[in-house]
Amino acid sequence: MSTAATTETKPAPAASEKIMVKVDGREIEVPRLMADWSGKLTPTTMIQACELAKVDVPHYCYHPKLPVAGNCRMCLVEFGTPALGPDRKPILNPDGTAKVVKSPRPAIACATSISPGMEIYTNTPGVKQMREGVLEFLLINHPLDCPVCDQAGECKLQEYSVDYGQSASRFVEAKVHKPKVVDLGPRIMLDDERCILCTRCIRFTKDIVGDDALGIVNRGSFNTLTAYPGKAFDNNYTLNTVDICPVGALTSKDFRFQMRVWFLKETRSVCTSCATGCNIIIGSREEKIYRYTPRENDAVNGPWMCDYGRLNYKWIGRADRLKDVLVRNVGQASSLSHSQEKSETGRMPVVHSKVTWTAALSEIADKLKNAPAGSVAIVASARQTNEELWLISKLKAKLGAISDSISRTGAGDKLLVSTDKNPNTNGAQLTGVAANSMGTNLPKIADGIRTGKIRTLIVFGEDVTGHGIGVDLLGKLETLIVSDILPNATTELAHYLLPGCAHAEKRGTFTNTKGRIQKFMKAVEPPGDARPEWEFLHDLVYNVTGQDGFLTIEGLFNEMAQD
């Protein structure tokens, strides 16, 4: 595994000496050294200087988070350096400025270091001709099928052809045909005819992931990208190659031909698959989520994310989502007898009736206000937002309730995946809803139900039947209040079932494994009568404790921050 593939916090690079250069006639001061793809200080390159000067230099193979290859030549620029006399001192013009001599040869901006007094020219007639020539060579064998290409709208070859290319092709010979619709791996499809051999995918897989799985075979015009013979391209980061592919060579099987990207609404959000909290963009249209893509944040995930987190969204649109506020019918609370057992569940199905939010919350508030101290327990989820957990903590304090959350752990890696599979473990613990050693209070809650001390259980987003509080114990409760997104054994037995929202259907914040509070926005509307948990928790907390003071999620966050 490359040392560059870790997400550990690196010390800030030492301040670098500044030097003066000119970019298209404008003088700018830039550091002599800048951090490269691995975070190491290296001499500043022309393309970095141009970026600081806010001058766009087109490029294909260059990527700021990958080793420099310098093989596409799209970033060719002209430059000049101060002329030196026999004494190796700069020759001065009559006005006292250094005389700059233009180099007879261009340079690739991605791999050429700057020097004091250098002048970089990115818009000369010569540079324009070079770009036209590079694009003409790239398009010699490239299929002209932009209308049916899945990368249309996100293709740099398409964009640069319009911005820097020629209006007509001079190529009349037959194009070289390469393999199409190649099954490169379980999540990746390859079209070798569209590949421009930038090697971004090869360098990412080898140097960032540490899986030297891709390479180029054959020679000349017959060069093709391929995986190692006999092996599929399969690691947990393969879909990042789709993001960094500048053309339509690599496409995601999941998103391929699903939606044109210009139709998608993009919403800033956070991945909830583990405690890393990768920053993402949710692409949606007409209340349907089509994809997650990484949103660059060097403090969290850089420009990458894992494949599992990227594809962990389809449950949000499941047909069996909980959509209605339900109340268990009178007489069903404890009437299940052994003689009524079913073969699969062991119990007859519980009957619920649909009610309004107002009616359900009013009944719940009355029951909680009349509940004896210590007779209520709360199982919250570390997949809930900071705001929701904070409101639950207020409810817990008022009721004198015992509470906890359920721990989720699994395999991690050295790049992004955390062993903590809850997105907000820190939030649950900081608000006091979860025990410091998460899960230690669950046996106490189970014992309390067994002895009859705990008569009311409130569950948010968890199926407690798989964590020591089985169906038999839930049947002993006087009141079981459950809020969840998908049906499970706990929701089936609830006296009050409150449909909640996925993170993509609400706003809020999570606290990731490094203690960073991250905000996410609402991408789609929830189905049916489902509501963000913080909204109905606000009403419930107000009805039970009398605490109010905010009308919006921003007001709730500010009140939480002052607590």
Foldseek 3Di string as FASTA:
>chain_A
DALLQFLDDDDQDDQADWAWEAEQRRIDIDGQWDQALSGDTDGDFQCNVCVVVVHDFDDALDDRNFDDDPDLLSRWWWKWAFDADPVRHFDADPVGHTDIDTDPDIDRRRPHGDDHHMYIYCDDPVNLVSNQVSLLVLCLQADPPLVQFLCNPQASNVVCCVVRYDPDHPHDDDHDAADAQPQQAPWKTFGFSHASPSCNLQRCCCNNVVHNFKDWDDDDSHIGIHGDPPDHPDDFFNCVCVVSRNHRGMDTPQQRPVDRQVQWDWFWFWQFQFQLTFIWIFTDHPQGTRWIAGDADSNGAGRGDTNVSGPPPVVQPDPQWDFFKKAFDPPQLQPWDQVQQDPPPGTDFTDIDGDDLVVLLVVVLVCQLPDAAAQEEEEEELQAFLLLLLLVLLSCVLRVYHAFYDWQADDADRRHGDRTRGRAPVSNVVSPRHDPPGLPCLVVVQVCLVVVSHQEYEYEADDCCVRNCNPVSSSSHPAYHYEHTGDDPSQRSHSIYAYEHHCQAAWHWGQGPVRDIDITHHHGHHHHNYDHSSVSSQVNSCSNPVDHQDDDNVRSVVVVVVD
